[in-house]
Amino acid sequence: MFPSDGRNHKNAIKNELNTKAFLSKDAHKIFKQLSPKSYEVLSKGGTKFKADNIIKSNDGTIINISDKEKRHGLGGSYDYTNTSAAIKDLGEGDKHINTLNKEKNKVLKKPLSERKKLVDTFRDKIKDVSYKTLKSIETNDLINLLKKYLINPNKTMQMFITDGVENKRYVFPFTNHPVNNLIKNKYIPVINVKEGKSSGKILFVKNDKEVDIGLRIRIHTNNGATAYLNAGGSNPSAMFVLKFQQDGIKKLLKEVNPIVI
């Protein structure tokens, strides 16, 4: 269950501030193109900026930083992508979402008391639609999604992963991520999703070889079923979003040649 009370967003903002302070002091020790006291670190993030922090040097050099805080160690996952914009690019996959959205729009015309009674029913419907959508995404559409919403937006990004247990930071350019070469070398991405689930592994297949790089795709609503029906929660609306997530962080770090701090 993903928290819908905003705690992940608040924790992310706190980490961005911690990272900003760290980089303001020590970025030149990580990035050789920087000199001491010759740069500033600007907090960005939010919906308008892909980078959480930007390092701006006096000579015009720009370094984009994507912060990923793992306070409880390097287990679990982190997000690369969390966007509603990708839903329109699902191809045949969006038909299930469109059908449920039309049903939801009719429910929104009902009184609040009736909408509240339908929340549990719609929670199940959202989960079912998420599963059916993942099963419906065709190969060419998945390749397009990976390029448009994962690879291209991160091609100038430096990933900055904080391990809160070991108090270590790992920095690597996203271009080192294996997804780049797999797509370049014509591996075919395949979604492996279990019955009824709203997320699945993306495996990469070529000839008889299958590669698992810990990449996951998830489709769900950003604020849950209560908000989807505007049924009295703290959020008055919700929409379907697509996420690309990273599982197997420790394994990934062995492949991307990170700087360890």
Protein backbone atom coordinates (compact mmCIF):
# COMPACT_ATOMS: atom_id res chain seq x y z
CA MET A 1 0.00 0.00 0.00
CA PHE A 2 1.41 3.37 -1.02
CA PRO A 3 0.78 6.26 1.42
CA SER A 4 -1.67 8.84 0.09
CA ASP A 5 -1.21 11.44 2.83
CA GLY A 6 1.73 13.22 1.25
CA ARG A 7 4.44 11.82 3.53
CA ASN A 8 6.60 10.57 0.63
CA HIS A 9 6.49 14.03 -0.95
CA LYS A 10 7.44 15.71 2.35
CA ASN A 11 10.32 13.27 2.90
CA ALA A 12 11.52 13.89 -0.66
CA ILE A 13 11.57 17.65 -0.10
CA LYS A 14 13.57 17.17 3.12
CA ASN A 15 16.08 14.98 1.29
CA GLU A 16 16.43 17.54 -1.50
CA LEU A 17 17.31 20.17 1.09
CA ASN A 18 19.82 17.83 2.77
CA THR A 19 21.36 17.06 -0.61
CA LYS A 20 21.51 20.75 -1.47
CA ALA A 21 23.50 21.46 1.71
CA PHE A 22 25.84 18.55 1.01
CA LEU A 23 26.43 19.56 -2.61
CA SER A 24 26.90 23.23 -1.74
CA LYS A 25 29.87 22.18 0.36
CA ASP A 26 31.29 19.20 -1.54
CA ALA A 27 30.06 19.07 -5.16
CA HIS A 28 33.54 19.96 -6.49
CA LYS A 29 34.90 16.81 -4.81
CA ILE A 30 32.46 14.70 -6.86
CA PHE A 31 32.38 16.48 -10.21
CA LYS A 32 35.83 17.27 -11.55
CA GLN A 33 34.58 20.05 -13.83
CA LEU A 34 33.78 22.17 -10.75
CA SER A 35 36.18 24.29 -8.72
CA PRO A 36 35.74 25.22 -5.03
CA LYS A 37 33.51 28.25 -4.43
CA SER A 38 32.76 28.54 -8.15
CA TYR A 39 29.19 27.22 -8.17
CA GLU A 40 25.81 27.38 -6.48
CA VAL A 41 23.18 24.71 -5.87
CA LEU A 42 19.58 25.59 -6.73
CA SER A 43 16.55 23.66 -5.46
CA LYS A 44 14.12 22.81 -8.25
CA GLY A 45 11.89 19.73 -8.40
CA GLY A 46 8.11 19.87 -8.27
CA THR A 47 6.01 19.36 -11.40
CA LYS A 48 7.94 21.78 -13.61
CA PHE A 49 11.47 20.44 -13.18
CA LYS A 50 12.80 16.90 -13.60
CA ALA A 51 15.91 17.70 -11.55
CA ASP A 52 15.51 18.08 -7.77
CA ASN A 53 18.67 20.19 -7.47
CA ILE A 54 20.73 21.93 -10.13
CA ILE A 55 24.41 22.80 -9.77
CA LYS A 56 25.24 25.96 -11.67
CA SER A 57 28.89 26.86 -12.16
CA ASN A 58 30.26 30.35 -12.81
CA ASP A 59 31.47 29.18 -16.23
CA GLY A 60 27.95 28.12 -17.24
CA THR A 61 28.26 24.43 -16.47
CA ILE A 62 24.95 22.88 -15.42
CA ILE A 63 24.68 19.58 -13.54
CA ASN A 64 21.21 18.11 -12.97
CA ILE A 65 20.70 16.09 -9.79
CA SER A 66 17.91 13.56 -9.13
CA ASP A 67 17.67 12.78 -5.41
CA LYS A 68 16.63 9.34 -4.18
CA GLU A 69 16.60 8.94 -0.41
CA LYS A 70 16.50 5.45 1.10
CA ARG A 71 16.25 6.19 4.81
CA HIS A 72 15.90 2.52 5.76
CA GLY A 73 18.63 1.20 3.52
CA LEU A 74 18.84 0.16 -0.13
CA GLY A 75 15.90 -2.25 -0.13
CA GLY A 76 12.57 -1.52 -1.78
CA SER A 77 12.37 0.75 -4.80
CA TYR A 78 12.48 4.35 -5.95
CA ASP A 79 10.64 6.23 -8.71
CA TYR A 80 12.08 7.57 -11.93
CA THR A 81 8.77 8.59 -13.47
CA ASN A 82 5.39 9.50 -11.97
CA THR A 83 3.18 11.14 -14.58
CA SER A 84 -0.38 11.29 -15.88
CA ALA A 85 0.89 12.54 -19.24
CA ALA A 86 1.97 9.02 -20.23
CA ILE A 87 -1.58 7.65 -20.06
CA LYS A 88 -2.39 9.11 -23.47
CA ASP A 89 0.57 7.18 -24.94
CA LEU A 90 -0.54 3.73 -23.79
CA GLY A 91 -2.00 2.88 -27.19
CA GLU A 92 -4.57 0.10 -26.83
CA GLY A 93 -3.71 0.02 -23.15
CA ASP A 94 -5.67 3.15 -22.28
CA LYS A 95 -9.10 1.79 -23.31
CA HIS A 96 -9.73 0.28 -19.86
CA ILE A 97 -8.83 3.54 -18.12
CA ASN A 98 -11.04 5.55 -20.46
CA THR A 99 -13.99 3.26 -19.78
CA LEU A 100 -13.60 3.57 -16.01
CA ASN A 101 -13.14 7.34 -16.23
CA LYS A 102 -16.47 7.61 -18.06
CA GLU A 103 -18.15 5.52 -15.34
CA LYS A 104 -16.52 7.71 -12.69
CA ASN A 105 -17.80 10.90 -14.34
CA LYS A 106 -21.36 9.61 -14.01
CA VAL A 107 -20.80 8.77 -10.34
CA LEU A 108 -19.47 12.29 -9.67
CA LYS A 109 -22.97 13.60 -10.40
CA LYS A 110 -24.39 11.61 -7.48
CA PRO A 111 -24.70 13.00 -3.91
CA LEU A 112 -21.69 12.67 -1.60
CA SER A 113 -23.39 10.01 0.54
CA GLU A 114 -23.83 7.76 -2.51
CA ARG A 115 -20.27 8.34 -3.74
CA LYS A 116 -18.91 7.28 -0.34
CA LYS A 117 -20.74 3.95 -0.61
CA LEU A 118 -19.05 3.25 -3.93
CA VAL A 119 -15.45 3.85 -2.79
CA ASP A 120 -14.65 0.20 -1.98
CA THR A 121 -16.20 -0.96 -5.25
CA PHE A 122 -14.14 1.54 -7.22
CA ARG A 123 -10.98 0.65 -5.33
CA ASP A 124 -11.34 -2.88 -6.71
CA LYS A 125 -12.20 -1.53 -10.16
CA ILE A 126 -9.11 0.69 -10.19
CA LYS A 127 -6.90 -2.26 -9.31
CA ASP A 128 -8.53 -4.42 -12.01
CA VAL A 129 -8.20 -1.69 -14.63
CA SER A 130 -4.53 -1.18 -13.73
CA TYR A 131 -3.87 -4.89 -14.26
CA LYS A 132 -5.80 -5.04 -17.55
CA THR A 133 -4.02 -1.93 -18.79
CA LEU A 134 -0.58 -3.41 -18.12
CA LYS A 135 -1.59 -6.60 -19.92
CA SER A 136 -2.80 -4.56 -22.91
CA ILE A 137 0.33 -2.48 -23.56
CA GLU A 138 1.89 -3.52 -26.85
CA THR A 139 5.64 -3.81 -27.43
CA ASN A 140 6.06 -0.72 -29.63
CA ASP A 141 4.05 1.40 -27.19
CA LEU A 142 6.18 0.15 -24.28
CA ILE A 143 9.39 1.02 -26.14
CA ASN A 144 8.00 4.49 -26.83
CA LEU A 145 7.04 4.93 -23.16
CA LEU A 146 10.52 3.94 -22.02
CA LYS A 147 12.17 6.35 -24.42
CA LYS A 148 9.79 9.27 -23.89
CA TYR A 149 9.25 9.10 -20.13
CA LEU A 150 12.38 7.40 -18.77
CA ILE A 151 15.42 7.56 -21.05
CA ASN A 152 15.09 10.98 -22.71
CA PRO A 153 14.08 13.00 -19.61
CA ASN A 154 17.03 11.56 -17.65
CA LYS A 155 19.78 11.62 -20.29
CA THR A 156 21.53 14.59 -18.61
CA MET A 157 20.69 13.51 -15.06
CA GLN A 158 23.08 12.55 -12.28
CA MET A 159 21.40 10.07 -9.93
CA PHE A 160 22.10 10.79 -6.26
CA ILE A 161 21.08 7.90 -3.99
CA THR A 162 21.33 8.28 -0.21
CA ASP A 163 21.59 5.17 1.98
CA GLY A 164 20.31 6.36 5.36
CA VAL A 165 21.45 3.22 7.19
CA GLU A 166 25.06 3.10 6.00
CA ASN A 167 25.22 6.91 5.66
CA LYS A 168 26.58 6.61 2.14
CA ARG A 169 25.76 8.43 -1.08
CA TYR A 170 26.01 6.95 -4.55
CA VAL A 171 26.30 9.17 -7.63
CA PHE A 172 26.15 8.04 -11.25
CA PRO A 173 24.99 9.44 -14.59
CA PHE A 174 21.70 7.95 -15.73
CA THR A 175 23.37 7.17 -19.06
CA ASN A 176 25.18 4.37 -17.15
CA HIS A 177 21.84 2.67 -16.45
CA PRO A 178 21.63 -0.62 -18.42
CA VAL A 179 18.23 0.28 -19.91
CA ASN A 180 20.02 2.64 -22.31
CA ASN A 181 22.13 -0.06 -23.96
CA LEU A 182 19.37 -2.66 -23.89
CA ILE A 183 17.03 -0.42 -25.89
CA LYS A 184 19.89 0.68 -28.16
CA ASN A 185 20.78 -2.96 -28.85
CA LYS A 186 17.19 -3.84 -29.78
CA TYR A 187 16.29 -5.91 -26.75
CA ILE A 188 12.50 -6.29 -26.53
CA PRO A 189 10.88 -5.10 -23.28
CA VAL A 190 8.22 -7.42 -21.88
CA ILE A 191 5.95 -6.72 -18.89
CA ASN A 192 5.75 -9.62 -16.44
CA VAL A 193 2.70 -8.88 -14.29
CA LYS A 194 1.02 -11.29 -11.89
CA GLU A 195 -2.75 -11.77 -11.95
CA GLY A 196 -4.61 -8.81 -10.44
CA LYS A 197 -1.52 -6.71 -9.71
CA SER A 198 -1.06 -3.04 -10.64
CA SER A 199 2.66 -3.32 -11.36
CA GLY A 200 4.98 -5.68 -13.17
CA LYS A 201 8.64 -6.25 -13.92
CA ILE A 202 9.99 -5.10 -17.26
CA LEU A 203 12.23 -7.83 -18.62
CA PHE A 204 14.37 -7.41 -21.73
CA VAL A 205 14.52 -10.26 -24.22
CA LYS A 206 16.69 -10.96 -27.26
CA ASN A 207 17.05 -14.36 -28.89
CA ASP A 208 17.18 -16.77 -25.93
CA LYS A 209 18.51 -14.22 -23.46
CA GLU A 210 16.33 -12.56 -20.79
CA VAL A 211 17.70 -9.66 -18.74
CA ASP A 212 16.22 -8.36 -15.46
CA ILE A 213 17.61 -4.93 -14.49
CA GLY A 214 15.12 -4.31 -11.69
CA LEU A 215 12.92 -1.99 -13.74
CA ARG A 216 9.21 -1.94 -12.88
CA ILE A 217 6.15 -0.31 -14.43
CA ARG A 218 3.16 0.63 -12.27
CA ILE A 219 -0.23 2.09 -13.13
CA HIS A 220 -2.52 3.38 -10.40
CA THR A 221 -4.32 6.53 -9.27
CA ASN A 222 -2.23 9.23 -7.65
CA ASN A 223 -4.59 9.93 -4.72
CA GLY A 224 -6.62 6.75 -4.29
CA ALA A 225 -10.25 5.70 -4.74
CA THR A 226 -11.78 8.21 -2.30
CA ALA A 227 -10.25 11.13 -4.18
CA TYR A 228 -11.12 9.51 -7.53
CA LEU A 229 -14.80 9.80 -6.57
CA ASN A 230 -14.37 13.08 -4.64
CA ALA A 231 -15.93 11.21 -1.73
CA GLY A 232 -14.92 13.42 1.16
CA GLY A 233 -11.20 12.86 1.66
CA SER A 234 -8.48 15.50 1.84
CA ASN A 235 -7.98 15.33 -1.95
CA PRO A 236 -10.93 16.23 -4.19
CA SER A 237 -9.69 14.39 -7.27
CA ALA A 238 -7.39 11.66 -8.56
CA MET A 239 -6.16 10.50 -11.95
CA PHE A 240 -4.37 7.51 -13.35
CA VAL A 241 -0.59 7.83 -13.50
CA LEU A 242 2.25 5.73 -14.87
CA LYS A 243 5.37 5.06 -12.86
CA PHE A 244 8.73 3.64 -13.83
CA GLN A 245 10.41 2.34 -10.68
CA GLN A 246 13.73 0.80 -9.75
CA ASP A 247 13.84 -2.42 -7.73
CA GLY A 248 17.08 -4.23 -6.86
CA ILE A 249 19.01 -1.07 -6.03
CA LYS A 250 22.08 -2.89 -4.68
CA LYS A 251 22.34 -4.95 -7.85
CA LEU A 252 21.96 -1.84 -10.00
CA LEU A 253 24.75 -0.04 -8.16
CA LYS A 254 27.13 -2.86 -9.05
CA GLU A 255 26.44 -2.21 -12.74
CA VAL A 256 26.51 1.59 -13.02
CA ASN A 257 30.00 2.34 -11.66
CA PRO A 258 28.89 4.95 -9.09
CA ILE A 259 31.00 7.38 -7.12
CA VAL A 260 30.60 6.34 -3.46
CA ILE A 261 30.79 9.03 -0.80
